[in-house]
Amino acid sequence: MSIFEPRMWSVMDIACLKWSSILFGAIVGAYVSSFVQAYVWVFVLAVVVLGIRPAMMYFGPRRPHSGHPTTTAGAPS
């Protein structure tokens, strides 16, 4: 099994990953709050820049072989 193998995630898996990331960020933010407050615009810019590609992949047109999982021809769907 490869790390880079495409997988279909359930809604529950995505929700658990999302909330664990939010809670981890809250803990880290509590420890480095003065640093984050000093450079808040850098962090805002990083969030926006890092969020562009996933948003484009989600809302953009589906292209075959662009990282989206597809079924094999003849396989039951």
Protein backbone atom coordinates (compact mmCIF):
# COMPACT_ATOMS: atom_id res chain seq x y z
CA MET A 1 0.00 0.00 0.00
CA SER A 2 1.40 3.36 -1.04
CA ILE A 3 0.99 6.62 0.86
CA PHE A 4 0.19 8.39 -2.41
CA GLU A 5 -2.51 5.91 -3.50
CA PRO A 6 -5.84 7.70 -4.08
CA ARG A 7 -8.50 6.81 -1.53
CA MET A 8 -12.13 7.70 -1.03
CA TRP A 9 -12.65 9.10 2.47
CA SER A 10 -15.95 8.89 4.29
CA VAL A 11 -17.57 11.99 5.70
CA MET A 12 -16.75 10.79 9.21
CA ASP A 13 -13.05 10.36 8.37
CA ILE A 14 -12.85 13.88 6.93
CA ALA A 15 -14.69 15.31 9.95
CA CYS A 16 -12.33 13.57 12.38
CA LEU A 17 -9.27 14.83 10.49
CA LYS A 18 -10.72 18.34 10.38
CA TRP A 19 -11.48 18.50 14.09
CA SER A 20 -8.17 16.96 15.12
CA SER A 21 -6.38 19.59 13.01
CA ILE A 22 -8.44 22.38 14.56
CA LEU A 23 -7.74 21.17 18.10
CA PHE A 24 -4.02 20.71 17.36
CA GLY A 25 -3.91 24.24 15.98
CA ALA A 26 -5.65 25.58 19.08
CA ILE A 27 -3.10 23.91 21.37
CA VAL A 28 -0.12 25.14 19.34
CA GLY A 29 -1.69 28.60 19.10
CA ALA A 30 -1.99 28.80 22.87
CA TYR A 31 1.74 28.22 23.27
CA VAL A 32 2.93 30.59 20.53
CA SER A 33 0.25 33.26 20.68
CA SER A 34 2.59 36.24 20.99
CA PHE A 35 4.56 35.11 17.92
CA VAL A 36 1.38 34.62 15.90
CA GLN A 37 0.01 38.01 16.95
CA ALA A 38 3.21 39.70 15.82
CA TYR A 39 3.04 38.09 12.35
CA VAL A 40 -0.72 37.64 11.90
CA TRP A 41 -0.74 38.92 8.28
CA VAL A 42 1.92 36.40 7.28
CA PHE A 43 -0.23 33.60 8.68
CA VAL A 44 -3.37 34.94 6.98
CA LEU A 45 -1.51 35.11 3.67
CA ALA A 46 -0.21 31.55 4.15
CA VAL A 47 -3.73 30.26 4.87
CA VAL A 48 -5.10 31.90 1.73
CA VAL A 49 -2.25 30.75 -0.52
CA LEU A 50 -2.33 27.18 0.81
CA GLY A 51 -6.11 27.05 0.45
CA ILE A 52 -6.20 28.06 -3.23
CA ARG A 53 -5.16 24.71 -4.74
CA PRO A 54 -7.59 22.52 -2.74
CA ALA A 55 -10.40 24.96 -3.53
CA MET A 56 -9.55 24.92 -7.24
CA MET A 57 -9.40 21.11 -7.26
CA TYR A 58 -12.73 20.87 -5.44
CA PHE A 59 -14.68 23.47 -7.42
CA GLY A 60 -12.85 23.13 -10.76
CA PRO A 61 -13.79 20.81 -13.61
CA ARG A 62 -13.01 17.12 -13.28
CA ARG A 63 -10.18 16.02 -15.54
CA PRO A 64 -9.30 12.37 -16.01
CA HIS A 65 -6.03 11.30 -14.41
CA SER A 66 -5.60 14.50 -12.42
CA GLY A 67 -5.50 12.86 -9.01
CA HIS A 68 -9.20 12.15 -8.70
CA PRO A 69 -9.96 8.49 -7.97
CA THR A 70 -11.62 6.72 -10.89
CA THR A 71 -12.99 3.24 -11.33
CA THR A 72 -11.40 0.76 -13.69
CA ALA A 73 -13.30 0.04 -16.92
CA GLY A 74 -15.53 -2.97 -16.41
CA ALA A 75 -15.37 -2.79 -12.61
CA PRO A 76 -18.66 -2.62 -10.74
CA SER A 77 -19.33 0.84 -9.41
